[in-house]
C-alpha atoms as a PDB file:
ATOM      1  CA  MET A   1      -0.004   0.001   0.004  1.00  0.00           C
ATOM      2  CA  ALA A   2       1.242   3.469  -0.820  1.00  0.00           C
ATOM      3  CA  ARG A   3       1.365   6.379   1.523  1.00  0.00           C
ATOM      4  CA  THR A   4      -1.896   8.279   1.936  1.00  0.00           C
ATOM      5  CA  SER A   5      -2.423  12.002   2.414  1.00  0.00           C
ATOM      6  CA  VAL A   6      -4.388  12.455   5.648  1.00  0.00           C
ATOM      7  CA  CYS A   7      -4.433  16.212   6.325  1.00  0.00           C
ATOM      8  CA  ALA A   8      -2.451  19.408   6.252  1.00  0.00           C
ATOM      9  CA  LEU A   9      -0.032  20.143   9.071  1.00  0.00           C
ATOM     10  CA  ALA A  10      -2.016  23.356   9.614  1.00  0.00           C
ATOM     11  CA  ASP A  11      -5.054  21.198  10.521  1.00  0.00           C
ATOM     12  CA  LEU A  12      -3.343  20.000  13.693  1.00  0.00           C
ATOM     13  CA  THR A  13      -3.330  21.837  16.999  1.00  0.00           C
ATOM     14  CA  THR A  14      -0.247  21.481  19.191  1.00  0.00           C
ATOM     15  CA  ASN A  15      -0.715  18.937  22.005  1.00  0.00           C
ATOM     16  CA  GLU A  16      -4.122  17.780  20.801  1.00  0.00           C
ATOM     17  CA  ALA A  17      -4.992  14.573  18.985  1.00  0.00           C
ATOM     18  CA  LYS A  18      -6.912  14.419  15.713  1.00  0.00           C
ATOM     19  CA  ARG A  19      -8.650  11.255  14.510  1.00  0.00           C
ATOM     20  CA  VAL A  20      -8.179  10.220  10.889  1.00  0.00           C
ATOM     21  CA  VAL A  21      -9.124   6.968   9.155  1.00  0.00           C
ATOM     22  CA  VAL A  22      -6.894   5.465   6.478  1.00  0.00           C
ATOM     23  CA  ASP A  23      -8.317   2.469   4.602  1.00  0.00           C
ATOM     24  CA  GLY A  24     -10.486   1.581   7.588  1.00  0.00           C
ATOM     25  CA  THR A  25      -7.667   2.001  10.119  1.00  0.00           C
ATOM     26  CA  PRO A  26      -8.402   4.621  12.809  1.00  0.00           C
ATOM     27  CA  ILE A  27      -5.312   6.688  13.646  1.00  0.00           C
ATOM     28  CA  ALA A  28      -4.637   9.388  16.235  1.00  0.00           C
ATOM     29  CA  LEU A  29      -2.411  12.153  14.870  1.00  0.00           C
ATOM     30  CA  VAL A  30      -0.557  14.354  17.343  1.00  0.00           C
ATOM     31  CA  LEU A  31       1.563  17.444  16.823  1.00  0.00           C
ATOM     32  CA  ASP A  32       3.712  17.634  19.956  1.00  0.00           C
ATOM     33  CA  SER A  33       5.178  20.774  21.493  1.00  0.00           C
ATOM     34  CA  ALA A  34       8.541  20.063  19.799  1.00  0.00           C
ATOM     35  CA  GLY A  35       6.827  20.241  16.398  1.00  0.00           C
ATOM     36  CA  ASP A  36       6.972  16.497  15.683  1.00  0.00           C
ATOM     37  CA  VAL A  37       3.969  14.690  14.225  1.00  0.00           C
ATOM     38  CA  HIS A  38       3.084  11.249  15.593  1.00  0.00           C
ATOM     39  CA  ALA A  39       0.594   8.672  14.292  1.00  0.00           C
ATOM     40  CA  ILE A  40      -0.564   5.858  16.554  1.00  0.00           C
ATOM     41  CA  GLY A  41      -3.483   3.457  16.541  1.00  0.00           C
ATOM     42  CA  ASP A  42      -6.551   5.340  17.741  1.00  0.00           C
ATOM     43  CA  THR A  43      -8.119   2.490  19.716  1.00  0.00           C
ATOM     44  CA  CYS A  44      -7.155   1.943  23.359  1.00  0.00           C
ATOM     45  CA  THR A  45      -6.153  -1.680  23.863  1.00  0.00           C
ATOM     46  CA  HIS A  46      -7.877  -1.771  27.233  1.00  0.00           C
ATOM     47  CA  GLY A  47     -11.355  -0.524  26.525  1.00  0.00           C
ATOM     48  CA  ASP A  48     -11.914  -0.041  22.785  1.00  0.00           C
ATOM     49  CA  ILE A  49     -12.020   3.750  23.295  1.00  0.00           C
ATOM     50  CA  SER A  50     -10.874   6.394  20.807  1.00  0.00           C
ATOM     51  CA  LEU A  51      -7.495   7.690  22.018  1.00  0.00           C
ATOM     52  CA  SER A  52      -7.854  10.857  19.941  1.00  0.00           C
ATOM     53  CA  GLU A  53     -10.461  11.993  22.470  1.00  0.00           C
ATOM     54  CA  GLY A  54      -7.794  11.773  25.176  1.00  0.00           C
ATOM     55  CA  PHE A  55      -5.129  14.084  26.549  1.00  0.00           C
ATOM     56  CA  VAL A  56      -1.658  14.796  25.191  1.00  0.00           C
ATOM     57  CA  GLU A  57       1.178  15.513  27.573  1.00  0.00           C
ATOM     58  CA  GLY A  58       4.744  15.506  26.370  1.00  0.00           C
ATOM     59  CA  GLU A  59       5.256  12.308  24.387  1.00  0.00           C
ATOM     60  CA  THR A  60       2.185  10.519  25.743  1.00  0.00           C
ATOM     61  CA  LEU A  61      -1.485  10.205  24.817  1.00  0.00           C
ATOM     62  CA  GLU A  62      -3.831   9.341  27.682  1.00  0.00           C
ATOM     63  CA  CYS A  63      -7.108   7.497  27.238  1.00  0.00           C
ATOM     64  CA  TRP A  64      -9.873   9.672  28.666  1.00  0.00           C
ATOM     65  CA  ALA A  65     -11.927   6.708  29.917  1.00  0.00           C
ATOM     66  CA  HIS A  66      -9.560   4.755  32.173  1.00  0.00           C
ATOM     67  CA  GLY A  67      -6.339   6.766  32.225  1.00  0.00           C
ATOM     68  CA  SER A  68      -3.982   4.456  30.356  1.00  0.00           C
ATOM     69  CA  GLN A  69      -1.123   6.438  28.842  1.00  0.00           C
ATOM     70  CA  PHE A  70       0.556   5.395  25.604  1.00  0.00           C
ATOM     71  CA  SER A  71       3.952   6.465  24.297  1.00  0.00           C
ATOM     72  CA  LEU A  72       3.653   8.418  21.058  1.00  0.00           C
ATOM     73  CA  LEU A  73       7.105   7.106  20.127  1.00  0.00           C
ATOM     74  CA  THR A  74       6.648   3.378  20.721  1.00  0.00           C
ATOM     75  CA  GLY A  75       2.910   2.791  21.244  1.00  0.00           C
ATOM     76  CA  LYS A  76       3.681   1.000  24.502  1.00  0.00           C
ATOM     77  CA  PRO A  77       1.320   1.548  27.417  1.00  0.00           C
ATOM     78  CA  LEU A  78       3.047   3.428  30.209  1.00  0.00           C
ATOM     79  CA  THR A  79       0.307   2.992  32.818  1.00  0.00           C
ATOM     80  CA  LEU A  80      -2.345   0.402  33.580  1.00  0.00           C
ATOM     81  CA  PRO A  81      -4.987  -0.775  32.957  1.00  0.00           C
ATOM     82  CA  ALA A  82      -3.784  -1.188  29.332  1.00  0.00           C
ATOM     83  CA  TYR A  83      -0.928  -3.634  28.868  1.00  0.00           C
ATOM     84  CA  GLU A  84      -0.965  -4.169  25.087  1.00  0.00           C
ATOM     85  CA  PRO A  85       0.685  -1.591  22.788  1.00  0.00           C
ATOM     86  CA  VAL A  86      -0.988   0.255  19.943  1.00  0.00           C
ATOM     87  CA  PRO A  87       0.637   0.413  16.501  1.00  0.00           C
ATOM     88  CA  VAL A  88       2.834   3.405  15.617  1.00  0.00           C
ATOM     89  CA  TYR A  89       2.900   4.456  11.997  1.00  0.00           C
ATOM     90  CA  SER A  90       5.597   6.180  10.006  1.00  0.00           C
ATOM     91  CA  VAL A  91       4.757   9.803   9.195  1.00  0.00           C
ATOM     92  CA  GLU A  92       6.038  11.812   6.244  1.00  0.00           C
ATOM     93  CA  LEU A  93       5.599  15.548   5.869  1.00  0.00           C
ATOM     94  CA  THR A  94       5.797  16.925   2.331  1.00  0.00           C
ATOM     95  CA  ASP A  95       5.032  20.544   1.488  1.00  0.00           C
ATOM     96  CA  GLY A  96       2.856  20.937   4.582  1.00  0.00           C
ATOM     97  CA  THR A  97       0.863  17.745   3.963  1.00  0.00           C
ATOM     98  CA  ILE A  98       0.968  14.734   6.312  1.00  0.00           C
ATOM     99  CA  PHE A  99       1.231  11.282   4.737  1.00  0.00           C
ATOM    100  CA  ILE A 100       0.854   7.899   6.468  1.00  0.00           C
ATOM    101  CA  ASP A 101       1.376   4.351   5.206  1.00  0.00           C
ATOM    102  CA  THR A 102      -0.619   1.981   7.426  1.00  0.00           C
ATOM    103  CA  SER A 103       1.360  -0.996   6.131  1.00  0.00           C
ATOM    104  CA  VAL A 104       4.535   0.432   7.698  1.00  0.00           C
ATOM    105  CA  THR A 105       4.686   0.367  11.478  1.00  0.00           C
ATOM    106  CA  LYS A 106       7.612   1.266  13.673  1.00  0.00           C
ATOM    107  CA  GLU A 107       9.290  -1.506  15.601  1.00  0.00           C
ATOM    108  CA  ILE A 108       8.387  -1.559  19.270  1.00  0.00           C
END
């Protein structure tokens, strides 16, 4: 599968998550305070909750329902109750447009 344009960088708000769906795969996009864009699976592995409705702090995204925090870098849960990671996707930025390839995940 080729990379897919998901939105413009200008569509993201710093330290907030935005939900996008690429070929049926829900993804949480985050522009962190350092200016880096992250793309992780949008579904909490504990409670089937949309992570993009959660809270961004530093390099973590916290599920609003039960408080599990996931690393934006690795997808690993940093707090319980979640214990399974979410996928982390490679992000490319070209001319202000964000591209994701859901077939390419970062190694955890």
